[in-house]
């Protein structure tokens, strides 16, 4: 798949999300340990 927006491999802004265990996961906690794919959806109803 071609990287249409040329953003593959770029560092994203820091953010945190709730995890499935009731805690909070910060994206930087995964840096250098895991590969992360971020998918953003618009207008989901």
PDB file of N, CA and C in Angstrom:
ATOM      1  N   UNK A   1       0.843  -1.183   0.000  1.00  0.00           N
ATOM      2  CA  UNK A   1       0.000   0.000   0.000  1.00  0.00           C
ATOM      3  C   UNK A   1       0.882   1.237   0.000  1.00  0.00           C
ATOM      4  N   UNK A   2       0.574   2.171  -0.837  1.00  0.00           N
ATOM      5  CA  UNK A   2       1.336   3.406  -0.937  1.00  0.00           C
ATOM      6  C   UNK A   2       0.941   4.369   0.175  1.00  0.00           C
ATOM      7  N   UNK A   3       1.925   5.055   0.713  1.00  0.00           N
ATOM      8  CA  UNK A   3       1.685   6.050   1.765  1.00  0.00           C
ATOM      9  C   UNK A   3       1.276   7.367   1.102  1.00  0.00           C
ATOM     10  N   UNK A   4      -0.011   7.506   0.869  1.00  0.00           N
ATOM     11  CA  UNK A   4      -0.560   8.654   0.154  1.00  0.00           C
ATOM     12  C   UNK A   4      -0.199   9.993   0.802  1.00  0.00           C
ATOM     13  N   UNK A   5      -0.148  10.022   2.123  1.00  0.00           N
ATOM     14  CA  UNK A   5       0.101  11.278   2.836  1.00  0.00           C
ATOM     15  C   UNK A   5       1.531  11.400   3.352  1.00  0.00           C
ATOM     16  N   UNK A   6       2.369  10.412   3.065  1.00  0.00           N
ATOM     17  CA  UNK A   6       3.782  10.398   3.469  1.00  0.00           C
ATOM     18  C   UNK A   6       3.955  10.619   4.971  1.00  0.00           C
ATOM     19  N   UNK A   7       3.190   9.843   5.750  1.00  0.00           N
ATOM     20  CA  UNK A   7       3.277   9.983   7.199  1.00  0.00           C
ATOM     21  C   UNK A   7       3.712   8.695   7.902  1.00  0.00           C
ATOM     22  N   UNK A   8       3.862   7.611   7.162  1.00  0.00           N
ATOM     23  CA  UNK A   8       4.290   6.362   7.781  1.00  0.00           C
ATOM     24  C   UNK A   8       5.672   6.556   8.382  1.00  0.00           C
ATOM     25  N   UNK A   9       5.812   6.188   9.645  1.00  0.00           N
ATOM     26  CA  UNK A   9       7.093   6.303  10.329  1.00  0.00           C
ATOM     27  C   UNK A   9       7.310   7.622  11.052  1.00  0.00           C
ATOM     28  N   UNK A  10       6.388   8.568  10.920  1.00  0.00           N
ATOM     29  CA  UNK A  10       6.554   9.838  11.626  1.00  0.00           C
ATOM     30  C   UNK A  10       6.055   9.707  13.068  1.00  0.00           C
ATOM     31  N   UNK A  11       6.611  10.485  13.945  1.00  0.00           N
ATOM     32  CA  UNK A  11       6.223  10.471  15.353  1.00  0.00           C
ATOM     33  C   UNK A  11       4.951  11.285  15.538  1.00  0.00           C
ATOM     34  N   UNK A  12       3.981  10.700  16.231  1.00  0.00           N
ATOM     35  CA  UNK A  12       2.715  11.388  16.459  1.00  0.00           C
ATOM     36  C   UNK A  12       2.763  12.155  17.774  1.00  0.00           C
ATOM     37  N   UNK A  13       1.786  13.028  17.948  1.00  0.00           N
ATOM     38  CA  UNK A  13       1.700  13.772  19.202  1.00  0.00           C
ATOM     39  C   UNK A  13       1.379  12.816  20.337  1.00  0.00           C
ATOM     40  N   UNK A  14       1.841  13.157  21.514  1.00  0.00           N
ATOM     41  CA  UNK A  14       1.585  12.329  22.684  1.00  0.00           C
ATOM     42  C   UNK A  14       0.108  12.360  23.047  1.00  0.00           C
ATOM     43  N   UNK A  15      -0.440  11.182  23.358  1.00  0.00           N
ATOM     44  CA  UNK A  15      -1.817  11.104  23.813  1.00  0.00           C
ATOM     45  C   UNK A  15      -1.977   9.886  24.705  1.00  0.00           C
ATOM     46  N   UNK A  16      -3.048   9.870  25.480  1.00  0.00           N
ATOM     47  CA  UNK A  16      -3.364   8.758  26.373  1.00  0.00           C
ATOM     48  C   UNK A  16      -4.793   8.314  26.128  1.00  0.00           C
ATOM     49  N   UNK A  17      -5.017   7.009  26.300  1.00  0.00           N
ATOM     50  CA  UNK A  17      -6.348   6.431  26.138  1.00  0.00           C
ATOM     51  C   UNK A  17      -6.589   5.421  27.243  1.00  0.00           C
ATOM     52  N   UNK A  18      -7.859   5.200  27.596  1.00  0.00           N
ATOM     53  CA  UNK A  18      -8.144   4.166  28.590  1.00  0.00           C
ATOM     54  C   UNK A  18      -7.830   2.781  28.010  1.00  0.00           C
ATOM     55  N   UNK A  19      -7.303   1.889  28.849  1.00  0.00           N
ATOM     56  CA  UNK A  19      -7.048   0.526  28.388  1.00  0.00           C
ATOM     57  C   UNK A  19      -8.142  -0.412  28.882  1.00  0.00           C
ATOM     58  N   UNK A  20      -8.063  -1.665  28.494  1.00  0.00           N
ATOM     59  CA  UNK A  20      -9.117  -2.630  28.823  1.00  0.00           C
ATOM     60  C   UNK A  20      -9.107  -3.067  30.280  1.00  0.00           C
ATOM     61  N   UNK A  21      -8.082  -2.681  31.035  1.00  0.00           N
ATOM     62  CA  UNK A  21      -7.974  -3.058  32.452  1.00  0.00           C
ATOM     63  C   UNK A  21      -8.366  -1.928  33.392  1.00  0.00           C
ATOM     64  N   UNK A  22      -8.870  -0.835  32.830  1.00  0.00           N
ATOM     65  CA  UNK A  22      -9.293   0.292  33.655  1.00  0.00           C
ATOM     66  C   UNK A  22      -8.198   1.310  33.909  1.00  0.00           C
ATOM     67  N   UNK A  23      -7.027   1.094  33.347  1.00  0.00           N
ATOM     68  CA  UNK A  23      -5.926   2.042  33.496  1.00  0.00           C
ATOM     69  C   UNK A  23      -5.870   2.999  32.322  1.00  0.00           C
ATOM     70  N   UNK A  24      -4.785   3.729  32.239  1.00  0.00           N
ATOM     71  CA  UNK A  24      -4.572   4.667  31.146  1.00  0.00           C
ATOM     72  C   UNK A  24      -3.258   4.306  30.464  1.00  0.00           C
ATOM     73  N   UNK A  25      -3.284   4.258  29.143  1.00  0.00           N
ATOM     74  CA  UNK A  25      -2.098   3.932  28.367  1.00  0.00           C
ATOM     75  C   UNK A  25      -1.648   5.166  27.611  1.00  0.00           C
ATOM     76  N   UNK A  26      -0.402   5.539  27.813  1.00  0.00           N
ATOM     77  CA  UNK A  26       0.186   6.666  27.105  1.00  0.00           C
ATOM     78  C   UNK A  26       0.948   6.111  25.904  1.00  0.00           C
ATOM     79  N   UNK A  27       0.807   6.738  24.763  1.00  0.00           N
ATOM     80  CA  UNK A  27       1.449   6.258  23.540  1.00  0.00           C
ATOM     81  C   UNK A  27       2.968   6.194  23.685  1.00  0.00           C
ATOM     82  N   UNK A  28       3.543   7.056  24.464  1.00  0.00           N
ATOM     83  CA  UNK A  28       5.006   7.063  24.640  1.00  0.00           C
ATOM     84  C   UNK A  28       5.491   5.836  25.423  1.00  0.00           C
ATOM     85  N   UNK A  29       4.612   5.202  26.188  1.00  0.00           N
ATOM     86  CA  UNK A  29       4.989   3.985  26.917  1.00  0.00           C
ATOM     87  C   UNK A  29       5.302   2.842  25.950  1.00  0.00           C
ATOM     88  N   UNK A  30       4.789   2.914  24.732  1.00  0.00           N
ATOM     89  CA  UNK A  30       5.023   1.877  23.730  1.00  0.00           C
ATOM     90  C   UNK A  30       6.203   2.187  22.818  1.00  0.00           C
ATOM     91  N   UNK A  31       6.681   3.403  22.876  1.00  0.00           N
ATOM     92  CA  UNK A  31       7.744   3.842  21.976  1.00  0.00           C
ATOM     93  C   UNK A  31       8.995   2.974  22.118  1.00  0.00           C
ATOM     94  N   UNK A  32       9.435   2.425  21.012  1.00  0.00           N
ATOM     95  CA  UNK A  32      10.623   1.585  21.004  1.00  0.00           C
ATOM     96  C   UNK A  32      10.373   0.155  21.441  1.00  0.00           C
ATOM     97  N   UNK A  33       9.162  -0.158  21.880  1.00  0.00           N
ATOM     98  CA  UNK A  33       8.832  -1.502  22.362  1.00  0.00           C
ATOM     99  C   UNK A  33       7.864  -2.219  21.435  1.00  0.00           C
ATOM    100  N   UNK A  34       6.917  -1.493  20.896  1.00  0.00           N
ATOM    101  CA  UNK A  34       5.863  -2.074  20.064  1.00  0.00           C
ATOM    102  C   UNK A  34       5.673  -1.227  18.808  1.00  0.00           C
ATOM    103  N   UNK A  35       5.151  -1.866  17.782  1.00  0.00           N
ATOM    104  CA  UNK A  35       4.735  -1.120  16.595  1.00  0.00           C
ATOM    105  C   UNK A  35       3.273  -0.746  16.805  1.00  0.00           C
ATOM    106  N   UNK A  36       2.948   0.492  16.493  1.00  0.00           N
ATOM    107  CA  UNK A  36       1.603   1.005  16.741  1.00  0.00           C
ATOM    108  C   UNK A  36       0.997   1.496  15.434  1.00  0.00           C
ATOM    109  N   UNK A  37      -0.248   1.121  15.204  1.00  0.00           N
ATOM    110  CA  UNK A  37      -1.007   1.622  14.062  1.00  0.00           C
ATOM    111  C   UNK A  37      -2.169   2.423  14.628  1.00  0.00           C
ATOM    112  N   UNK A  38      -2.301   3.652  14.187  1.00  0.00           N
ATOM    113  CA  UNK A  38      -3.385   4.516  14.639  1.00  0.00           C
ATOM    114  C   UNK A  38      -4.355   4.696  13.474  1.00  0.00           C
ATOM    115  N   UNK A  39      -5.607   4.380  13.719  1.00  0.00           N
ATOM    116  CA  UNK A  39      -6.645   4.520  12.704  1.00  0.00           C
ATOM    117  C   UNK A  39      -7.678   5.506  13.234  1.00  0.00           C
ATOM    118  N   UNK A  40      -7.949   6.521  12.454  1.00  0.00           N
ATOM    119  CA  UNK A  40      -8.910   7.552  12.836  1.00  0.00           C
ATOM    120  C   UNK A  40     -10.132   7.438  11.937  1.00  0.00           C
ATOM    121  N   UNK A  41     -11.298   7.391  12.551  1.00  0.00           N
ATOM    122  CA  UNK A  41     -12.549   7.296  11.815  1.00  0.00           C
ATOM    123  C   UNK A  41     -13.307   8.609  11.938  1.00  0.00           C
ATOM    124  N   UNK A  42     -13.972   8.994  10.861  1.00  0.00           N
ATOM    125  CA  UNK A  42     -14.807  10.188  10.879  1.00  0.00           C
ATOM    126  C   UNK A  42     -16.259   9.797  10.623  1.00  0.00           C
ATOM    127  N   UNK A  43     -17.157  10.518  11.230  1.00  0.00           N
ATOM    128  CA  UNK A  43     -18.593  10.392  10.968  1.00  0.00           C
ATOM    129  C   UNK A  43     -19.136   8.979  11.160  1.00  0.00           C
ATOM    130  N   UNK A  44     -18.747   8.313  12.214  1.00  0.00           N
ATOM    131  CA  UNK A  44     -19.305   6.999  12.506  1.00  0.00           C
ATOM    132  C   UNK A  44     -20.544   7.201  13.355  1.00  0.00           C
ATOM    133  N   UNK A  45     -21.643   6.602  12.917  1.00  0.00           N
ATOM    134  CA  UNK A  45     -22.908   6.765  13.648  1.00  0.00           C
ATOM    135  C   UNK A  45     -23.435   5.427  14.069  1.00  0.00           C
TER     136      UNK A  45
END
